[in-house]
Amino acid sequence: MAVVGEPRIEPTINKASVRGQKTLWASCSYQKNISLNYKLLFLPPHLVRYVLVHELCHTVHLNHSAQFWELVLEKEPGYAVLDRELRKCSQYVPGWLEPSVLGNHDS
C-alpha cells in the first residue's frame, strides 16, 4: 500500500502469524515475530494500516520510547487520532466471535 513519496520502513521480520489474542490487536516480540489478531479483519482499513505501521516500527524500536513514537509519526502523521480511535473500536468486532476487551490497551 505504498504511496509515491511515502516514507518506507524496511523491516526485518523473523516471522509473522495470525492469532486470536484476547487483548491485543497485534504484537512484536524481541525476536521480531509479529503476531496479528484475526479480528483486524473487521476494522476499517485505516485502522488496520495504523496497527501494521505501529508493529513494523517495533521492528526498529522494541519499546514505546520517544524514538519509537517519532518513527510512527514519520510513517503515520495522524497516528495520535488513529490510536485514540483504535482504543474505542472493539464495536467493529462481531459479538458472536467472543466477548472482547480489545481497545482498552496499547496495540
N, C-alpha and C. Protein backbone atom coordinates (compact mmCIF):
# COMPACT_ATOMS: atom_id res chain seq x y z
N MET A 1 0.83 -1.17 0.00
CA MET A 1 0.00 0.00 0.00
C MET A 1 0.88 1.25 0.00
N ALA A 2 1.94 1.22 -0.76
CA ALA A 2 2.85 2.36 -0.81
C ALA A 2 2.27 3.47 -1.67
N VAL A 3 2.51 4.68 -1.24
CA VAL A 3 2.09 5.86 -1.97
C VAL A 3 3.36 6.55 -2.44
N VAL A 4 3.35 7.11 -3.65
CA VAL A 4 4.52 7.77 -4.18
C VAL A 4 4.98 8.84 -3.20
N GLY A 5 6.26 8.83 -2.86
CA GLY A 5 6.82 9.81 -1.95
C GLY A 5 6.62 9.46 -0.48
N GLU A 6 5.92 8.39 -0.19
CA GLU A 6 5.66 8.00 1.20
C GLU A 6 6.91 7.37 1.80
N PRO A 7 7.28 7.77 3.02
CA PRO A 7 8.44 7.14 3.67
C PRO A 7 8.19 5.65 3.87
N ARG A 8 9.22 4.86 3.66
CA ARG A 8 9.09 3.41 3.79
C ARG A 8 9.82 2.91 5.02
N ILE A 9 9.32 1.82 5.57
CA ILE A 9 10.02 1.09 6.62
C ILE A 9 10.58 -0.15 5.94
N GLU A 10 11.85 -0.40 6.13
CA GLU A 10 12.46 -1.61 5.60
C GLU A 10 12.67 -2.56 6.78
N PRO A 11 11.60 -3.21 7.21
CA PRO A 11 11.71 -4.02 8.42
C PRO A 11 12.39 -5.36 8.19
N THR A 12 12.97 -5.86 9.25
CA THR A 12 13.46 -7.22 9.26
C THR A 12 12.52 -7.98 10.17
N ILE A 13 11.74 -8.85 9.59
CA ILE A 13 10.77 -9.63 10.36
C ILE A 13 11.23 -11.08 10.35
N ASN A 14 11.25 -11.67 11.51
CA ASN A 14 11.60 -13.08 11.61
C ASN A 14 10.43 -13.95 11.17
N LYS A 15 9.25 -13.68 11.73
CA LYS A 15 8.08 -14.50 11.44
C LYS A 15 6.83 -13.66 11.66
N ALA A 16 5.82 -13.89 10.84
CA ALA A 16 4.52 -13.25 11.01
C ALA A 16 3.47 -14.33 11.19
N SER A 17 2.53 -14.09 12.09
CA SER A 17 1.47 -15.06 12.32
C SER A 17 0.16 -14.34 12.60
N VAL A 18 -0.92 -15.07 12.42
CA VAL A 18 -2.25 -14.56 12.73
C VAL A 18 -2.79 -15.42 13.85
N ARG A 19 -3.23 -14.76 14.91
CA ARG A 19 -3.72 -15.46 16.09
C ARG A 19 -5.00 -14.81 16.59
N GLY A 20 -5.52 -15.35 17.66
CA GLY A 20 -6.73 -14.82 18.26
C GLY A 20 -6.46 -14.25 19.64
N GLN A 21 -5.60 -13.24 19.72
CA GLN A 21 -5.32 -12.63 21.01
C GLN A 21 -6.59 -12.03 21.60
N LYS A 22 -6.72 -12.08 22.90
CA LYS A 22 -7.91 -11.56 23.55
C LYS A 22 -7.81 -10.07 23.83
N THR A 23 -6.61 -9.56 24.07
CA THR A 23 -6.49 -8.16 24.49
C THR A 23 -5.58 -7.30 23.62
N LEU A 24 -5.02 -7.86 22.56
CA LEU A 24 -4.12 -7.09 21.69
C LEU A 24 -4.58 -7.17 20.24
N TRP A 25 -4.39 -6.09 19.53
CA TRP A 25 -4.64 -6.11 18.08
C TRP A 25 -3.47 -6.75 17.37
N ALA A 26 -2.27 -6.57 17.93
CA ALA A 26 -1.06 -7.13 17.34
C ALA A 26 0.06 -7.02 18.36
N SER A 27 1.17 -7.69 18.07
CA SER A 27 2.34 -7.58 18.93
C SER A 27 3.59 -7.89 18.12
N CYS A 28 4.72 -7.42 18.65
CA CYS A 28 6.02 -7.70 18.04
C CYS A 28 6.96 -8.12 19.16
N SER A 29 7.54 -9.30 19.03
CA SER A 29 8.43 -9.83 20.07
C SER A 29 9.86 -9.34 19.85
N TYR A 30 10.71 -9.60 20.86
CA TYR A 30 12.12 -9.24 20.74
C TYR A 30 12.80 -10.02 19.62
N GLN A 31 12.23 -11.16 19.24
CA GLN A 31 12.77 -11.93 18.12
C GLN A 31 12.24 -11.40 16.78
N LYS A 32 11.49 -10.30 16.83
CA LYS A 32 10.89 -9.66 15.65
C LYS A 32 9.86 -10.55 14.98
N ASN A 33 9.13 -11.28 15.82
CA ASN A 33 7.98 -12.05 15.35
C ASN A 33 6.75 -11.16 15.52
N ILE A 34 6.04 -10.92 14.44
CA ILE A 34 4.83 -10.10 14.50
C ILE A 34 3.61 -11.01 14.51
N SER A 35 2.77 -10.78 15.48
CA SER A 35 1.53 -11.53 15.63
C SER A 35 0.37 -10.58 15.39
N LEU A 36 -0.48 -10.92 14.44
CA LEU A 36 -1.64 -10.09 14.12
C LEU A 36 -2.91 -10.79 14.59
N ASN A 37 -3.81 -10.05 15.15
CA ASN A 37 -5.07 -10.60 15.61
C ASN A 37 -6.01 -10.75 14.42
N TYR A 38 -6.64 -11.91 14.27
CA TYR A 38 -7.56 -12.12 13.14
C TYR A 38 -8.74 -11.16 13.19
N LYS A 39 -9.01 -10.57 14.33
CA LYS A 39 -10.12 -9.62 14.45
C LYS A 39 -9.84 -8.31 13.71
N LEU A 40 -8.59 -8.11 13.29
CA LEU A 40 -8.28 -6.94 12.46
C LEU A 40 -9.10 -6.95 11.17
N LEU A 41 -9.53 -8.12 10.75
CA LEU A 41 -10.35 -8.24 9.53
C LEU A 41 -11.63 -7.41 9.60
N PHE A 42 -12.08 -7.11 10.81
CA PHE A 42 -13.34 -6.39 10.99
C PHE A 42 -13.16 -4.88 11.14
N LEU A 43 -11.93 -4.42 11.22
CA LEU A 43 -11.67 -2.99 11.43
C LEU A 43 -11.63 -2.25 10.10
N PRO A 44 -11.90 -0.95 10.14
CA PRO A 44 -11.75 -0.14 8.92
C PRO A 44 -10.29 -0.17 8.46
N PRO A 45 -10.06 -0.12 7.16
CA PRO A 45 -8.70 -0.22 6.62
C PRO A 45 -7.70 0.78 7.20
N HIS A 46 -8.14 2.01 7.49
CA HIS A 46 -7.19 2.99 8.02
C HIS A 46 -6.67 2.59 9.40
N LEU A 47 -7.47 1.87 10.18
CA LEU A 47 -7.01 1.41 11.49
C LEU A 47 -6.11 0.19 11.37
N VAL A 48 -6.41 -0.67 10.41
CA VAL A 48 -5.53 -1.83 10.17
C VAL A 48 -4.16 -1.33 9.74
N ARG A 49 -4.16 -0.34 8.86
CA ARG A 49 -2.88 0.24 8.41
C ARG A 49 -2.10 0.78 9.60
N TYR A 50 -2.77 1.49 10.50
CA TYR A 50 -2.08 2.05 11.67
C TYR A 50 -1.49 0.92 12.52
N VAL A 51 -2.23 -0.14 12.76
CA VAL A 51 -1.72 -1.27 13.55
C VAL A 51 -0.47 -1.84 12.87
N LEU A 52 -0.52 -2.01 11.56
CA LEU A 52 0.63 -2.56 10.84
C LEU A 52 1.83 -1.63 10.93
N VAL A 53 1.61 -0.34 10.73
CA VAL A 53 2.72 0.63 10.85
C VAL A 53 3.30 0.58 12.26
N HIS A 54 2.43 0.56 13.26
CA HIS A 54 2.86 0.52 14.66
C HIS A 54 3.77 -0.69 14.91
N GLU A 55 3.33 -1.86 14.46
CA GLU A 55 4.11 -3.07 14.70
C GLU A 55 5.40 -3.09 13.88
N LEU A 56 5.35 -2.59 12.66
CA LEU A 56 6.59 -2.53 11.86
C LEU A 56 7.59 -1.58 12.49
N CYS A 57 7.12 -0.50 13.11
CA CYS A 57 8.03 0.40 13.82
C CYS A 57 8.68 -0.30 15.01
N HIS A 58 7.99 -1.26 15.59
CA HIS A 58 8.58 -2.04 16.69
C HIS A 58 9.74 -2.90 16.21
N THR A 59 9.83 -3.19 14.92
CA THR A 59 10.99 -3.95 14.44
C THR A 59 12.24 -3.09 14.47
N VAL A 60 12.07 -1.77 14.57
CA VAL A 60 13.19 -0.84 14.68
C VAL A 60 13.44 -0.48 16.15
N HIS A 61 12.37 -0.17 16.87
CA HIS A 61 12.42 0.20 18.29
C HIS A 61 11.47 -0.73 19.04
N LEU A 62 12.03 -1.64 19.82
CA LEU A 62 11.23 -2.66 20.50
C LEU A 62 10.65 -2.15 21.83
N ASN A 63 10.16 -0.93 21.82
CA ASN A 63 9.60 -0.32 23.02
C ASN A 63 8.67 0.82 22.59
N HIS A 64 8.18 1.57 23.55
CA HIS A 64 7.37 2.75 23.24
C HIS A 64 8.13 4.02 23.65
N SER A 65 9.40 4.07 23.29
CA SER A 65 10.26 5.21 23.60
C SER A 65 9.90 6.41 22.72
N ALA A 66 10.50 7.53 23.03
CA ALA A 66 10.30 8.74 22.21
C ALA A 66 10.74 8.47 20.77
N GLN A 67 11.83 7.72 20.59
CA GLN A 67 12.31 7.40 19.24
C GLN A 67 11.29 6.56 18.48
N PHE A 68 10.66 5.62 19.18
CA PHE A 68 9.62 4.80 18.56
C PHE A 68 8.49 5.70 18.06
N TRP A 69 7.97 6.57 18.92
CA TRP A 69 6.84 7.42 18.54
C TRP A 69 7.23 8.41 17.44
N GLU A 70 8.48 8.86 17.42
CA GLU A 70 8.95 9.72 16.32
C GLU A 70 8.90 8.97 15.00
N LEU A 71 9.30 7.70 15.01
CA LEU A 71 9.25 6.90 13.79
C LEU A 71 7.80 6.67 13.36
N VAL A 72 6.92 6.36 14.32
CA VAL A 72 5.50 6.19 13.99
C VAL A 72 4.96 7.48 13.38
N LEU A 73 5.30 8.62 13.96
CA LEU A 73 4.85 9.91 13.44
C LEU A 73 5.35 10.15 12.02
N GLU A 74 6.58 9.76 11.76
CA GLU A 74 7.15 9.91 10.42
C GLU A 74 6.38 9.06 9.40
N LYS A 75 6.00 7.85 9.80
CA LYS A 75 5.33 6.93 8.88
C LYS A 75 3.83 7.11 8.84
N GLU A 76 3.25 7.61 9.91
CA GLU A 76 1.79 7.78 10.01
C GLU A 76 1.52 9.09 10.75
N PRO A 77 1.58 10.22 10.03
CA PRO A 77 1.48 11.54 10.67
C PRO A 77 0.25 11.74 11.55
N GLY A 78 -0.85 11.12 11.26
CA GLY A 78 -2.06 11.29 12.07
C GLY A 78 -2.23 10.19 13.11
N TYR A 79 -1.13 9.60 13.57
CA TYR A 79 -1.24 8.42 14.42
C TYR A 79 -1.97 8.68 15.74
N ALA A 80 -1.86 9.86 16.31
CA ALA A 80 -2.48 10.11 17.62
C ALA A 80 -4.00 9.96 17.54
N VAL A 81 -4.58 10.48 16.48
CA VAL A 81 -6.03 10.35 16.28
C VAL A 81 -6.38 8.89 16.04
N LEU A 82 -5.58 8.21 15.24
CA LEU A 82 -5.84 6.80 14.95
C LEU A 82 -5.71 5.94 16.20
N ASP A 83 -4.72 6.25 17.03
CA ASP A 83 -4.52 5.49 18.26
C ASP A 83 -5.73 5.64 19.19
N ARG A 84 -6.24 6.85 19.31
CA ARG A 84 -7.45 7.06 20.13
C ARG A 84 -8.64 6.31 19.55
N GLU A 85 -8.77 6.35 18.22
CA GLU A 85 -9.88 5.64 17.57
C GLU A 85 -9.75 4.13 17.77
N LEU A 86 -8.53 3.63 17.68
CA LEU A 86 -8.30 2.19 17.85
C LEU A 86 -8.70 1.72 19.24
N ARG A 87 -8.48 2.54 20.23
CA ARG A 87 -8.83 2.18 21.61
C ARG A 87 -10.33 2.04 21.82
N LYS A 88 -11.12 2.56 20.90
CA LYS A 88 -12.58 2.53 21.03
C LYS A 88 -13.25 1.68 19.97
N CYS A 89 -12.53 0.87 19.24
CA CYS A 89 -13.12 0.25 18.06
C CYS A 89 -13.49 -1.21 18.22
N SER A 90 -13.56 -1.71 19.43
CA SER A 90 -13.96 -3.11 19.59
C SER A 90 -15.40 -3.35 19.11
N GLN A 91 -16.18 -2.27 18.93
CA GLN A 91 -17.56 -2.44 18.44
C GLN A 91 -17.60 -2.97 17.01
N TYR A 92 -16.50 -2.89 16.29
CA TYR A 92 -16.46 -3.43 14.93
C TYR A 92 -16.41 -4.95 14.91
N VAL A 93 -15.95 -5.54 16.02
CA VAL A 93 -15.80 -7.00 16.09
C VAL A 93 -17.14 -7.60 16.49
N PRO A 94 -17.69 -8.49 15.67
CA PRO A 94 -19.00 -9.09 15.97
C PRO A 94 -18.99 -9.83 17.31
N GLY A 95 -20.06 -9.65 18.05
CA GLY A 95 -20.18 -10.29 19.34
C GLY A 95 -20.17 -11.80 19.29
N TRP A 96 -20.56 -12.37 18.14
CA TRP A 96 -20.60 -13.82 18.04
C TRP A 96 -19.22 -14.46 18.05
N LEU A 97 -18.16 -13.66 17.82
CA LEU A 97 -16.81 -14.23 17.86
C LEU A 97 -16.45 -14.66 19.27
N GLU A 98 -16.56 -13.74 20.19
CA GLU A 98 -16.30 -13.98 21.61
C GLU A 98 -16.38 -12.63 22.31
N PRO A 99 -16.62 -12.63 23.60
CA PRO A 99 -16.58 -11.36 24.32
C PRO A 99 -15.20 -10.73 24.13
N SER A 100 -15.17 -9.45 23.92
CA SER A 100 -13.91 -8.78 23.61
C SER A 100 -13.62 -7.69 24.61
N VAL A 101 -12.36 -7.55 24.93
CA VAL A 101 -11.91 -6.43 25.75
C VAL A 101 -10.91 -5.60 24.95
N LEU A 102 -10.88 -5.79 23.64
CA LEU A 102 -9.97 -5.04 22.79
C LEU A 102 -10.31 -3.55 22.82
N GLY A 103 -9.29 -2.75 22.66
CA GLY A 103 -9.49 -1.32 22.60
C GLY A 103 -9.20 -0.63 23.91
N ASN A 104 -8.86 -1.39 24.94
CA ASN A 104 -8.60 -0.80 26.26
C ASN A 104 -7.13 -0.90 26.64
N HIS A 105 -6.21 -0.86 25.66
CA HIS A 105 -4.79 -1.08 25.92
C HIS A 105 -3.99 -0.62 24.74
N ASP A 106 -2.66 -0.79 24.85
CA ASP A 106 -1.76 -0.49 23.73
C ASP A 106 -1.84 -1.61 22.71
N SER A 107 -1.59 -1.28 21.46
CA SER A 107 -1.56 -2.29 20.43
C SER A 107 -0.21 -2.94 20.39
